[in-house]
N, C-alpha and C. Protein backbone atom coordinates (compact mmCIF):
# COMPACT_ATOMS: atom_id res chain seq x y z
N MET A 1 -7.41 -5.98 -3.67
CA MET A 1 -7.69 -6.32 -4.93
C MET A 1 -8.96 -6.06 -5.56
N ILE A 2 -9.98 -5.83 -4.41
CA ILE A 2 -11.48 -4.73 -5.26
C ILE A 2 -10.84 -3.37 -5.72
N ALA A 3 -9.73 -2.56 -5.05
CA ALA A 3 -9.38 -1.77 -5.03
C ALA A 3 -9.17 -1.51 -6.78
N MET A 4 -8.07 -2.56 -6.94
CA MET A 4 -7.65 -2.47 -8.32
C MET A 4 -8.18 -2.73 -9.06
N ARG A 5 -9.25 -3.47 -8.98
CA ARG A 5 -10.47 -3.89 -9.97
C ARG A 5 -11.19 -2.69 -10.35
N TYR A 6 -11.54 -1.50 -9.55
CA TYR A 6 -11.87 -0.57 -9.81
C TYR A 6 -11.56 0.74 -10.11
N GLY A 7 -10.22 0.42 -10.19
CA GLY A 7 -9.62 2.08 -10.58
C GLY A 7 -9.32 2.75 -9.41
N SER A 8 -9.52 2.39 -8.14
CA SER A 8 -9.27 2.77 -7.06
C SER A 8 -7.75 2.41 -6.42
N ILE A 9 -7.17 3.63 -5.84
CA ILE A 9 -5.72 3.17 -5.28
C ILE A 9 -6.06 2.53 -3.97
N PRO A 10 -5.19 1.24 -4.29
CA PRO A 10 -5.37 0.21 -3.05
C PRO A 10 -4.24 1.00 -1.99
N ILE A 11 -5.21 0.57 -0.30
CA ILE A 11 -4.61 0.66 0.81
C ILE A 11 -4.34 -0.56 1.49
N ALA A 12 -3.03 -1.32 1.88
CA ALA A 12 -2.93 -2.76 2.31
C ALA A 12 -1.99 -2.58 3.46
N ARG A 13 -2.60 -3.49 4.47
CA ARG A 13 -0.59 -3.77 5.43
C ARG A 13 -0.22 -4.75 4.92
N LYS A 14 0.77 -5.04 5.11
CA LYS A 14 1.62 -5.67 4.45
C LYS A 14 1.77 -7.05 5.21
N THR A 15 1.26 -7.70 4.41
CA THR A 15 0.52 -9.25 5.01
C THR A 15 0.21 -9.93 4.12
N GLY A 16 0.70 -11.31 3.74
CA GLY A 16 0.35 -12.94 2.91
C GLY A 16 -0.08 -12.20 1.54
N GLY A 17 -1.08 -12.02 0.94
CA GLY A 17 -1.10 -12.04 -0.62
C GLY A 17 -0.75 -10.50 -1.21
N LEU A 18 -1.61 -9.50 -0.24
CA LEU A 18 -1.19 -8.42 -0.25
C LEU A 18 -0.17 -7.51 -0.82
N ASN A 19 0.96 -8.50 0.35
CA ASN A 19 2.46 -7.80 0.32
C ASN A 19 3.11 -8.34 -0.92
N ASP A 20 2.07 -9.07 -2.01
CA ASP A 20 2.95 -9.48 -2.97
C ASP A 20 2.23 -9.35 -4.49
N SER A 21 1.03 -8.25 -3.90
CA SER A 21 -0.19 -7.64 -4.68
C SER A 21 0.43 -6.05 -4.95
N VAL A 22 0.27 -5.42 -3.82
CA VAL A 22 0.00 -3.86 -3.36
C VAL A 22 1.64 -3.56 -3.16
N PHE A 23 2.54 -2.24 -4.24
CA PHE A 23 3.55 -2.63 -4.02
C PHE A 23 3.56 -0.69 -3.58
N ASP A 24 3.90 -0.24 -2.24
CA ASP A 24 3.60 1.17 -2.18
C ASP A 24 4.55 2.08 -3.04
N VAL A 25 4.27 3.33 -3.20
CA VAL A 25 4.58 4.10 -4.15
C VAL A 25 5.91 5.22 -3.32
N ASP A 26 5.80 4.74 -2.16
CA ASP A 26 7.13 5.50 -1.62
C ASP A 26 7.88 4.74 -1.50
N ASP A 27 8.32 3.50 -1.82
CA ASP A 27 9.28 2.59 -1.95
C ASP A 27 10.51 2.94 -3.00
N ASP A 28 11.40 3.25 -2.72
CA ASP A 28 12.28 3.91 -3.74
C ASP A 28 13.01 1.90 -4.32
N THR A 29 13.23 0.97 -3.48
CA THR A 29 13.84 -0.35 -4.05
C THR A 29 12.50 -0.97 -4.97
N ILE A 30 11.55 -0.35 -5.25
CA ILE A 30 10.66 -1.00 -6.45
C ILE A 30 10.45 0.13 -7.65
N PRO A 31 10.69 -0.44 -8.69
CA PRO A 31 10.90 0.13 -9.63
C PRO A 31 9.32 0.85 -10.11
N LEU A 32 9.89 2.30 -10.92
CA LEU A 32 8.36 3.21 -10.57
C LEU A 32 7.17 2.26 -11.14
N GLN A 33 7.26 2.00 -12.17
CA GLN A 33 6.02 1.22 -13.37
C GLN A 33 5.56 0.03 -12.38
N PHE A 34 5.80 -0.47 -10.86
CA PHE A 34 5.29 -1.44 -10.13
C PHE A 34 4.70 -1.03 -9.25
N ARG A 35 5.02 0.51 -8.64
CA ARG A 35 4.45 0.78 -7.48
C ARG A 35 2.90 1.23 -8.01
N ASN A 36 2.01 1.04 -7.10
CA ASN A 36 0.67 0.82 -7.42
C ASN A 36 -0.13 1.07 -6.25
N GLY A 37 0.36 1.81 -5.05
CA GLY A 37 -0.83 1.61 -4.07
C GLY A 37 0.56 2.04 -2.82
N TYR A 38 -0.57 1.89 -1.30
CA TYR A 38 -0.15 2.37 -0.15
C TYR A 38 -0.24 1.10 0.68
N THR A 39 0.37 0.80 1.32
CA THR A 39 1.06 -0.46 2.20
C THR A 39 1.63 -0.03 3.87
N PHE A 40 1.03 -0.39 4.89
CA PHE A 40 1.11 -0.36 6.02
C PHE A 40 1.95 -1.32 6.61
N THR A 41 2.56 -1.30 7.94
CA THR A 41 2.93 -2.68 8.52
C THR A 41 1.74 -2.44 9.88
N THR A 42 1.88 -1.51 11.04
CA THR A 42 1.00 -1.39 12.25
C THR A 42 -0.22 -0.54 11.61
N PRO A 43 -1.47 -0.84 12.04
CA PRO A 43 -2.58 -0.07 12.22
C PRO A 43 -2.63 1.01 12.89
N ASP A 44 -2.06 1.77 13.03
CA ASP A 44 -2.23 3.12 14.07
C ASP A 44 -1.86 4.41 13.25
N GLU A 45 -2.52 5.12 13.94
CA GLU A 45 -2.75 6.70 13.49
C GLU A 45 -1.12 7.16 12.80
N LYS A 46 -0.39 6.67 13.39
CA LYS A 46 1.13 7.14 13.17
C LYS A 46 1.95 7.09 11.46
N CYS A 47 1.24 5.47 11.39
CA CYS A 47 1.69 4.91 10.05
C CYS A 47 0.94 5.73 8.76
N PHE A 48 -0.50 6.47 8.98
CA PHE A 48 -1.07 7.32 7.83
C PHE A 48 -0.55 8.81 8.51
N GLY A 49 -0.09 8.96 9.17
CA GLY A 49 0.84 10.32 8.78
C GLY A 49 -0.50 11.29 9.63
N THR A 50 -0.92 10.69 10.28
CA THR A 50 -2.33 11.69 10.92
C THR A 50 -2.20 11.84 12.75
N SER A 51 -2.40 12.99 13.18
CA SER A 51 -2.40 13.10 14.33
C SER A 51 -3.73 13.73 14.77
N ILE A 52 -3.77 12.83 16.38
CA ILE A 52 -4.82 13.15 17.06
C ILE A 52 -5.11 13.78 18.32
């Protein structure tokens, strides 16, 4: 929510109220005008697309 206030792209775990406020830009089931950030389900390096 703070990221949205200051014009930054929000990155949020899909839990609770954040799941209702942040809509993933890669989710094709959500209309384009509502996609506003990035969401993830598990906090690990796989969900962010990085390799260690």
